[in-house]
Each structure stands twice: as structure tokens, then as C-alpha cells.
Protein backbone atom coordinates (compact mmCIF):
# COMPACT_ATOMS: atom_id res chain seq x y z
CA MET A 1 0.00 0.00 0.00
CA ASP A 2 1.38 3.42 -0.96
CA ALA A 3 1.00 6.05 1.76
CA SER A 4 0.79 8.79 -0.90
CA SER A 5 -2.08 7.15 -2.81
CA PRO A 6 -5.72 8.23 -2.42
CA ILE A 7 -7.46 6.42 0.42
CA ASP A 8 -9.57 3.46 -0.56
CA GLU A 9 -12.59 3.78 1.72
CA SER A 10 -13.33 0.06 1.54
CA ASP A 11 -9.76 -0.69 2.66
CA LEU A 12 -10.13 1.79 5.50
CA ALA A 13 -13.45 0.24 6.56
CA SER A 14 -11.91 -3.23 6.50
CA TRP A 15 -8.98 -1.98 8.57
CA ARG A 16 -11.36 -0.40 11.08
CA ASP A 17 -13.06 -3.79 11.47
CA THR A 18 -9.66 -5.40 12.09
CA VAL A 19 -8.90 -2.87 14.81
CA ARG A 20 -12.28 -3.39 16.43
CA ARG A 21 -11.86 -7.17 16.46
CA PHE A 22 -8.44 -6.86 18.06
CA LEU A 23 -9.81 -4.57 20.77
CA ALA A 24 -12.76 -6.89 21.41
CA ASP A 25 -10.65 -10.04 21.58
CA GLU A 26 -7.37 -8.87 23.13
CA VAL A 27 -8.23 -5.77 25.18
CA GLU A 28 -11.83 -5.71 26.39
CA PRO A 29 -11.63 -8.91 28.52
CA HIS A 30 -8.49 -7.72 30.32
CA TYR A 31 -8.53 -3.93 30.41
CA ALA A 32 -10.07 -3.51 33.85
CA GLN A 33 -7.40 -5.78 35.35
CA TRP A 34 -4.64 -3.87 33.58
CA GLU A 35 -6.01 -0.66 35.06
CA ARG A 36 -5.79 -2.25 38.52
CA ASN A 37 -2.26 -3.52 37.79
CA GLY A 38 -1.11 -0.09 36.64
CA ILE A 39 0.52 -1.52 33.51
CA MET A 40 -0.24 -3.54 30.39
CA PRO A 41 1.61 -6.78 29.59
CA ARG A 42 4.37 -6.99 27.01
CA GLU A 43 2.45 -9.75 25.27
CA LEU A 44 -0.16 -7.21 24.21
CA TYR A 45 2.38 -5.31 22.13
CA LEU A 46 3.58 -8.49 20.45
CA LYS A 47 -0.01 -9.36 19.54
CA ALA A 48 -0.60 -5.84 18.28
CA GLY A 49 2.53 -6.12 16.16
CA GLU A 50 1.39 -9.43 14.71
CA THR A 51 -1.94 -7.86 13.77
CA GLY A 52 -0.23 -4.84 12.20
CA LEU A 53 -1.53 -2.25 14.66
CA LEU A 54 1.90 -0.79 15.46
CA CYS A 55 3.75 1.73 13.29
CA VAL A 56 1.03 1.39 10.67
CA ASP A 57 2.30 4.05 8.27
CA LEU A 58 5.97 3.06 8.36
CA PRO A 59 7.36 2.16 4.92
CA GLU A 60 7.37 -1.54 4.16
CA GLN A 61 11.17 -1.70 4.18
CA TYR A 62 11.04 -0.86 7.89
CA GLY A 63 8.34 -3.35 8.82
CA GLY A 64 5.23 -1.25 8.33
CA VAL A 65 2.71 -1.60 5.54
CA GLY A 66 3.20 1.90 4.19
CA ALA A 67 -0.46 2.70 4.84
CA PRO A 68 -1.78 6.26 4.66
CA PHE A 69 -1.63 8.26 7.87
CA GLU A 70 -5.39 7.91 8.32
CA PHE A 71 -4.93 4.19 9.02
CA SER A 72 -2.74 5.01 12.01
CA CYS A 73 -5.37 7.48 13.20
CA THR A 74 -7.99 4.72 13.06
CA VAL A 75 -6.19 2.71 15.75
CA ALA A 76 -6.28 5.69 18.12
CA GLU A 77 -9.86 6.55 17.20
CA GLU A 78 -11.33 3.13 17.86
CA ALA A 79 -9.49 2.57 21.12
CA SER A 80 -10.32 6.08 22.34
CA ARG A 81 -14.00 5.69 21.51
CA LEU A 82 -14.13 2.57 23.66
CA GLY A 83 -12.44 4.35 26.56
CA TYR A 84 -9.06 2.59 26.38
CA ALA A 85 -7.10 5.78 26.89
CA SER A 86 -4.13 4.05 28.54
CA LEU A 87 -3.67 1.83 25.51
CA VAL A 88 -4.01 4.82 23.18
CA THR A 89 -1.34 6.74 25.06
CA ASN A 90 1.15 3.86 25.04
CA PHE A 91 0.56 2.92 21.41
CA MET A 92 0.67 6.55 20.33
CA MET A 93 4.00 7.17 22.05
CA HIS A 94 5.47 4.11 20.37
CA SER A 95 3.99 4.33 16.88
CA ASP A 96 3.28 8.02 16.35
CA ILE A 97 6.10 9.71 18.23
CA VAL A 98 9.17 7.49 18.72
CA ALA A 99 9.01 5.63 15.40
CA PRO A 100 8.61 8.82 13.31
CA TYR A 101 11.55 10.42 15.14
CA ILE A 102 13.76 7.50 14.17
CA LEU A 103 12.34 7.35 10.63
CA HIS A 104 12.91 11.06 10.00
CA LEU A 105 16.16 11.60 11.91
CA GLY A 106 17.85 8.23 12.15
CA THR A 107 20.82 6.94 10.21
CA ASP A 108 20.39 3.88 8.03
CA ALA A 109 21.96 1.81 10.81
CA GLN A 110 19.59 3.22 13.46
CA LYS A 111 16.55 2.58 11.28
CA ALA A 112 17.69 -0.98 10.60
CA LYS A 113 18.34 -1.60 14.30
CA TYR A 114 15.00 -0.38 15.65
CA LEU A 115 12.15 0.12 13.20
CA ASN A 116 11.40 -3.43 12.06
CA ARG A 117 11.46 -4.62 15.67
CA MET A 118 9.22 -1.73 16.71
CA ALA A 119 6.66 -2.64 14.05
CA ARG A 120 6.62 -6.21 15.35
CA GLY A 121 6.21 -5.10 18.96
CA GLU A 122 9.55 -6.63 19.95
CA CYS A 123 11.11 -3.26 20.77
CA PHE A 124 8.92 -0.73 22.55
CA GLY A 125 9.69 3.00 22.52
CA ALA A 126 9.57 6.00 24.85
CA LEU A 127 10.53 9.66 24.66
CA ALA A 128 12.24 11.22 27.68
CA MET A 129 12.02 15.00 27.71
CA THR A 130 10.30 16.20 30.90
CA GLU A 131 12.31 16.64 34.08
CA PRO A 132 11.44 17.45 37.68
CA GLY A 133 11.11 21.22 37.90
CA THR A 134 11.08 21.96 34.16
CA GLY A 135 7.66 20.86 32.92
CA SER A 136 7.05 22.34 29.47
CA ASP A 137 10.24 24.45 29.58
CA LEU A 138 12.44 22.09 27.57
CA GLN A 139 15.31 24.58 27.27
CA ALA A 140 15.73 24.39 31.06
CA ILE A 141 16.49 20.66 31.21
CA LYS A 142 19.55 19.66 33.25
CA THR A 143 20.19 16.12 32.00
CA ASN A 144 23.56 16.35 30.27
CA ALA A 145 25.71 14.33 27.92
CA VAL A 146 29.43 15.16 28.21
CA PRO A 147 31.88 14.04 25.51
CA ASP A 148 34.00 11.08 26.62
CA GLY A 149 36.39 9.63 24.08
CA ASP A 150 34.41 8.61 21.03
CA GLY A 151 31.09 8.88 22.86
CA TYR A 152 29.25 10.62 25.68
CA ARG A 153 28.51 10.19 29.39
CA LEU A 154 24.85 10.73 30.19
CA ASN A 155 23.75 11.94 33.63
CA GLY A 156 20.46 13.23 34.97
CA SER A 157 16.85 12.22 35.43
CA LYS A 158 13.46 12.40 33.75
CA THR A 159 9.89 12.11 35.00
CA PHE A 160 6.35 11.50 33.68
CA ILE A 161 7.77 9.23 30.96
CA THR A 162 5.08 7.26 29.11
CA ASN A 163 6.14 3.62 28.49
CA GLY A 164 9.04 4.15 30.89
CA GLN A 165 8.67 0.79 32.62
CA LEU A 166 8.63 -1.34 29.48
CA ALA A 167 10.53 0.68 26.87
CA ASP A 168 13.43 -1.02 25.09
CA VAL A 169 14.61 2.12 23.32
CA ILE A 170 14.27 5.61 24.77
CA ILE A 171 14.89 8.89 22.98
CA VAL A 172 16.56 11.08 25.60
CA ALA A 173 16.87 14.86 25.33
CA ALA A 174 20.10 16.05 26.96
CA LYS A 175 22.26 19.16 27.07
CA THR A 176 25.54 18.75 25.18
CA ASP A 177 26.35 22.48 25.45
CA PRO A 178 24.72 24.03 28.54
CA LYS A 179 25.73 27.54 27.46
CA ALA A 180 24.04 27.39 24.06
CA GLY A 181 20.40 27.46 25.17
CA GLY A 182 18.08 25.61 22.82
CA LYS A 183 20.97 25.00 20.42
CA GLY A 184 22.82 23.06 23.09
CA MET A 185 20.33 20.17 23.25
CA THR A 186 20.91 16.80 21.55
CA LEU A 187 18.75 13.71 21.21
CA PHE A 188 20.16 10.26 21.99
CA LEU A 189 18.89 6.72 21.47
CA LEU A 190 19.28 4.82 24.73
CA ASP A 191 18.82 1.06 24.92
CA GLY A 192 16.96 -0.03 28.03
CA ASP A 193 19.69 -2.46 29.15
CA LYS A 194 22.52 0.09 29.27
CA PRO A 195 24.66 -0.01 32.45
CA GLY A 196 23.94 3.01 34.62
CA PHE A 197 20.36 3.39 33.42
CA LYS A 198 17.67 2.75 36.02
CA ARG A 199 13.91 2.94 35.97
CA GLY A 200 12.24 4.51 38.97
CA ARG A 201 8.77 3.84 40.29
CA ASN A 202 5.70 3.46 38.14
CA LEU A 203 3.96 6.70 39.04
CA GLU A 204 0.40 6.64 40.36
CA LYS A 205 -1.99 8.90 38.44
CA ILE A 206 -5.61 9.94 38.81
CA GLY A 207 -6.39 8.49 35.37
CA MET A 208 -4.91 6.36 32.60
CA HIS A 209 -3.83 3.86 35.23
CA ALA A 210 -2.71 1.12 32.83
CA ALA A 211 -0.41 3.50 30.96
CA ASP A 212 2.89 3.04 32.81
CA THR A 213 4.44 6.42 33.58
CA SER A 214 7.91 6.45 35.08
CA GLU A 215 10.85 8.22 36.55
CA LEU A 216 14.12 7.48 34.74
CA PHE A 217 17.66 7.92 36.05
CA PHE A 218 20.97 8.12 34.18
CA ASP A 219 24.13 7.58 36.19
CA ASN A 220 27.23 7.98 34.06
CA VAL A 221 25.66 6.03 31.18
CA TYR A 222 28.11 5.61 28.31
CA LEU A 223 26.68 6.21 24.85
CA ASP A 224 28.55 5.67 21.62
CA ALA A 225 28.65 8.53 19.15
CA ASP A 226 26.27 6.59 16.91
CA ALA A 227 23.60 6.91 19.61
CA VAL A 228 23.08 10.55 18.58
CA LEU A 229 19.71 10.94 16.86
CA GLY A 230 19.79 13.71 14.29
CA LYS A 231 22.29 16.54 14.69
CA VAL A 232 24.44 17.31 17.70
CA GLY A 233 22.93 20.50 19.10
CA GLY A 234 19.86 20.08 16.92
CA GLY A 235 17.66 18.45 19.53
CA PHE A 236 15.37 21.38 20.25
CA GLY A 237 14.71 21.96 16.56
CA HIS A 238 14.06 18.26 16.03
CA LEU A 239 11.52 18.27 18.86
CA ILE A 240 9.73 21.25 17.32
CA ASP A 241 9.65 19.59 13.90
CA GLU A 242 7.97 16.46 15.29
CA LEU A 243 5.43 18.22 17.52
CA PRO A 244 2.69 18.63 14.86
CA ARG A 245 2.11 14.89 14.58
CA GLU A 246 2.16 14.41 18.35
CA ARG A 247 -0.36 17.17 18.93
CA LEU A 248 -2.54 16.06 16.04
CA MET A 249 -2.68 12.54 17.46
CA LEU A 250 -3.78 13.96 20.80
CA ALA A 251 -6.61 15.63 18.90
CA VAL A 252 -7.51 12.32 17.25
CA ALA A 253 -7.85 10.76 20.69
CA ALA A 254 -9.74 13.74 22.13
CA VAL A 255 -12.45 13.77 19.47
CA ALA A 256 -13.00 10.01 19.49
CA HIS A 257 -12.93 9.89 23.30
CA ALA A 258 -15.68 12.50 23.45
CA GLU A 259 -17.68 10.59 20.84
CA GLY A 260 -17.43 7.42 22.89
CA ALA A 261 -18.54 9.21 26.04
CA LEU A 262 -21.56 10.60 24.20
CA GLU A 263 -22.49 7.14 22.89
CA ARG A 264 -22.41 5.72 26.42
CA THR A 265 -24.42 8.65 27.74
CA ILE A 266 -27.16 8.27 25.13
CA GLU A 267 -27.43 4.59 25.98
CA TYR A 268 -27.75 5.41 29.68
CA VAL A 269 -30.29 8.25 29.50
CA THR A 270 -32.57 6.32 27.13
CA GLN A 271 -32.78 3.47 29.66
CA ARG A 272 -32.55 5.23 33.02
CA LYS A 273 -35.88 6.36 34.48
CA ALA A 274 -36.62 9.17 36.92
CA PHE A 275 -40.00 10.58 37.98
CA GLY A 276 -41.73 7.96 35.88
CA ALA A 277 -40.01 8.81 32.59
CA THR A 278 -36.67 8.18 30.90
CA VAL A 279 -33.98 10.76 31.59
CA ALA A 280 -33.76 11.26 27.82
CA SER A 281 -37.33 12.58 27.77
CA PHE A 282 -36.46 15.65 29.86
CA GLN A 283 -35.81 18.84 27.92
CA ASN A 284 -32.61 19.61 29.82
CA THR A 285 -31.17 16.21 28.86
CA ARG A 286 -32.14 16.62 25.21
CA PHE A 287 -30.69 20.11 24.99
CA GLU A 288 -27.46 19.02 26.70
CA LEU A 289 -27.07 16.12 24.26
CA ALA A 290 -27.67 18.48 21.36
CA LYS A 291 -24.97 20.87 22.63
CA ILE A 292 -22.50 18.03 23.19
CA LYS A 293 -23.07 16.54 19.75
CA THR A 294 -22.65 19.92 18.06
CA ASP A 295 -19.49 20.67 20.00
CA ILE A 296 -17.96 17.35 18.99
CA GLU A 297 -18.90 17.68 15.31
CA VAL A 298 -17.42 21.18 15.02
CA HIS A 299 -14.12 19.96 16.44
CA ARG A 300 -14.14 16.79 14.31
CA ALA A 301 -14.34 19.02 11.22
CA PHE A 302 -11.29 20.99 12.37
CA TYR A 303 -9.44 17.79 13.22
CA GLU A 304 -10.16 16.26 9.81
CA LYS A 305 -8.89 19.43 8.13
CA CYS A 306 -5.65 19.24 10.15
CA ARG A 307 -5.31 15.52 9.46
CA ALA A 308 -5.49 16.21 5.72
CA GLN A 309 -2.91 18.99 6.09
CA TYR A 310 -0.54 16.66 7.93
CA ALA A 311 -0.95 13.93 5.30
CA GLN A 312 0.09 16.53 2.71
CA GLY A 313 3.03 17.76 4.80
CA GLN A 314 1.35 21.12 5.43
CA LEU A 315 0.43 21.10 9.14
CA ASP A 316 2.45 23.83 10.84
CA VAL A 317 3.31 24.23 14.52
CA PRO A 318 0.77 26.99 15.34
CA THR A 319 -2.12 25.09 13.71
CA ALA A 320 -1.11 21.90 15.52
CA ALA A 321 -1.18 23.89 18.76
CA MET A 322 -4.66 25.15 17.89
CA ILE A 323 -6.09 21.69 17.25
CA LYS A 324 -4.55 20.30 20.43
CA LEU A 325 -5.85 23.23 22.49
CA ALA A 326 -9.33 23.20 20.98
CA THR A 327 -10.00 19.47 21.03
CA SER A 328 -8.63 18.79 24.51
CA GLU A 329 -10.73 21.62 25.96
CA MET A 330 -13.76 20.25 24.12
CA GLU A 331 -13.04 16.72 25.31
CA CYS A 332 -13.00 17.71 28.97
CA ARG A 333 -16.01 20.00 28.58
CA THR A 334 -18.23 17.46 26.84
CA ILE A 335 -17.25 14.47 28.97
CA ASP A 336 -17.93 16.47 32.11
CA ALA A 337 -21.39 17.26 30.73
CA CYS A 338 -21.89 13.57 29.94
CA LEU A 339 -20.95 12.53 33.46
CA GLN A 340 -23.44 15.05 34.87
CA LEU A 341 -26.25 13.32 32.98
CA PHE A 342 -25.41 10.08 34.80
CA GLY A 343 -26.06 11.79 38.11
CA GLY A 344 -24.54 10.04 41.13
CA TYR A 345 -23.81 6.93 39.10
CA GLY A 346 -21.40 8.92 36.96
CA TYR A 347 -19.17 9.33 40.00
CA MET A 348 -19.03 5.60 40.63
CA ALA A 349 -15.94 3.81 39.34
CA GLU A 350 -18.02 0.87 38.10
CA TYR A 351 -19.50 3.08 35.39
CA PRO A 352 -17.08 3.59 32.47
CA ILE A 353 -18.03 7.27 32.13
CA SER A 354 -16.06 7.95 35.31
CA ARG A 355 -12.93 6.58 33.63
CA TYR A 356 -13.56 8.71 30.53
CA TRP A 357 -13.68 11.74 32.82
CA THR A 358 -10.49 11.06 34.78
CA ASP A 359 -8.57 9.91 31.68
CA ALA A 360 -9.49 13.05 29.74
CA ARG A 361 -7.99 15.52 32.19
CA VAL A 362 -4.35 14.94 31.28
CA GLN A 363 -5.00 15.86 27.64
CA ARG A 364 -4.87 19.54 28.61
CA ILE A 365 -1.46 18.99 30.20
CA TYR A 366 0.74 16.61 28.21
CA GLY A 367 2.03 17.28 24.72
CA GLY A 368 2.60 20.81 26.02
CA THR A 369 0.13 22.39 28.44
CA ASN A 370 -2.75 24.31 26.93
CA GLU A 371 -1.26 27.49 28.35
CA ILE A 372 1.85 26.80 26.24
CA MET A 373 -0.42 26.14 23.23
CA LYS A 374 -1.93 29.60 23.65
CA GLU A 375 1.54 31.14 23.76
CA VAL A 376 2.61 29.29 20.60
CA ILE A 377 -0.51 30.50 18.79
CA ALA A 378 -0.12 34.05 20.06
CA ARG A 379 3.49 34.25 18.92
CA SER A 380 2.44 33.27 15.42
CA LEU A 381 0.03 36.21 15.43
CA VAL A 382 1.84 39.06 17.15
CA GLY A 383 5.36 37.82 17.89
CA ARG A 384 6.95 37.62 21.31
């Protein structure tokens, strides 16, 4: 399949059915237990790789099927709609962030080493940027890589790292020239079995419990020169270049997540009775559903426009910030309204809508906080 070819809607529909079957057979029976465990098993990623759900739009020479970008979006859409936000986050980090970094920036040797194994689920990926005390301020990171012979010595720590417990390859952002600001940052490929690298605790979160999120520590880790990903000193620019896809994928998840919450809410209010009538028969309920549906559809239209722009190589950083800001705000707003229609039952953990609500909240924080999104957009309009 050629990623540049027009989308065959029948192929896309068939692919969507494949994704749905995988989720029904391999995820639905186990997801609640994974949420309690705080992590998903490695076997899941191997099964996903066998089915072709990982790194969907990678070229065939690197283990993908070279499918159009929309096919990768379908995986996130279907899992988000069903409320499997932890799975979406882990798969997205692996397939839509780490793999594209290596595809776009890696040497032939780096691509050969990682990408085929990533597509098969044998090598799982993570991206380590955030540090304690820095948050969204990437230029303030303190993790450093000092030249040592033909390589580097890596020291420092990271936090809030998605896939941190299970990752086999981690892209680490480190300062190679602390005096050069953004131009002093370099990206490195770190194998998870390197001496001196340690994983900290699996952090407890208010939502997305099955998505392992970790502290990482680097104690004098030796990295060969061929571990550099992209250009020495080019790390900050590389991060900026890859942000549009990351933020667009967050929008994919946000829209589908809201759609799934609405579907569950409609099912509930059409069955639940109060004062001798279904909750759906009350005007307030009907008007709320109408508002929620309209809100979602408006943002789906914007998302689909941005998705088409990305597929054509035209999605810029400010527009990606807009779609991430708009859809994540909509997601939280609409899911909160959905939970309200459940009444007290919406606050009970046994009802999936409660998980939709807690899982949605982080979307306004990761991938760059929404306050940072506003700053990015504003700078594109009026400068600094």
C-alpha cells in the first residue's frame, strides 16, 4: 500500500473492522485488570505487532505496511472511543512519536536496528524530555551528555515518561552544550539495558492507570557517538519539527474519546428512568445532548482538516497547537457534561463514564500544556 495514494474507503473500513476485532478479543476482557495492575503486559504489544496495529504508516522496508496516515489514526480513534485511553497513550507514544523520530532523523543503521522490531512489537519505545522542575520548559532541562572519548557520558533524570517501565529504546533529550540554550540540546537513542540506566517507580496517576508512567535515572551512562539521533545540538529543533504529529494525534484521541462518552451517555439516558419517565425525555437532557453533539462535530471538522494537512506535509506548529488546544478543551467540557447526565452513578468507578472523565484531564497537560499552546498560537500572530 502506498502512503501517498488516495485512500480506498473500503480498505479503511476493512482496517477499522480489524482494529475493532483486536480490541474486542485482546483488550476488552483484560482492560479492567490492567487498570488495577497499573501496567499492560508486554504480550499485548507483540499481539498488536502481529496484527499490524503498530507503526502502521511506516514504509514496508522498515516493517510497516506503508499505509496512509489515516490508518494510524484509526487505531487511536477506535481505542479512544471505547475508553481505552491508557492503551491509546502507550501505542501513540510508540507508533506516532518514537518511530517517526527514528524514521525522519535516524541513520540507516539506526533505522535498521529499531524500526522493524518496533513494528513487530519486539522493541517498545519511549521519549524522555520532561524533568522534575522543568515541565514544558524544555530549554531548562539539566540532564547532560558530556563528551567522553568517542562517545558521551549521560547523567540526569526524567519524569512523567510514558512507556518508561517497558521501553526497550528511549529517545533522551540532553544538554551537550549548557551555554548554548536551545541549540545546546541533543537527542540520543538509549537502549533499556545500558549499564547506569535505572527505571524509577511506576507513578500513580488519577487516570490512565494502565499507561505506565515512570521516573528514569541516568548515572554515568556511556553512549557511543552513533547513539546521537539527528544533529548534535539540533535536539530542540528536532523536537519542534515532530510536535505537529504528536499534537494532532492527541486531537484524534480527544475527538473520538468525546464521541465514545456521548455514545455511552445516550445509551444510559434512554434506559434510566426518573420521575416515571426516561432521563432522555427531559428537555434539559435533550438540549445538553444536542450541545455536546454539536461541540464534537465542530471539532471533528477541524481535526479532519488538520489531518489532511498533515498527510500533505502542510500542518504547521501553530495550527497543531490550535487543534490540540481546541479538542482537549472540548473533550473535557463534553465528557464532564456527559458525566453530569449520569447523576450520582457517573461518580461511581463501576461506570465507564467515570474513567472517561479522569482519563481526559491529562490531555490539557501533556504534549505541552494548553497554556503553552496559547503562547505558541499568540506568537504566530503578534510575535513575542
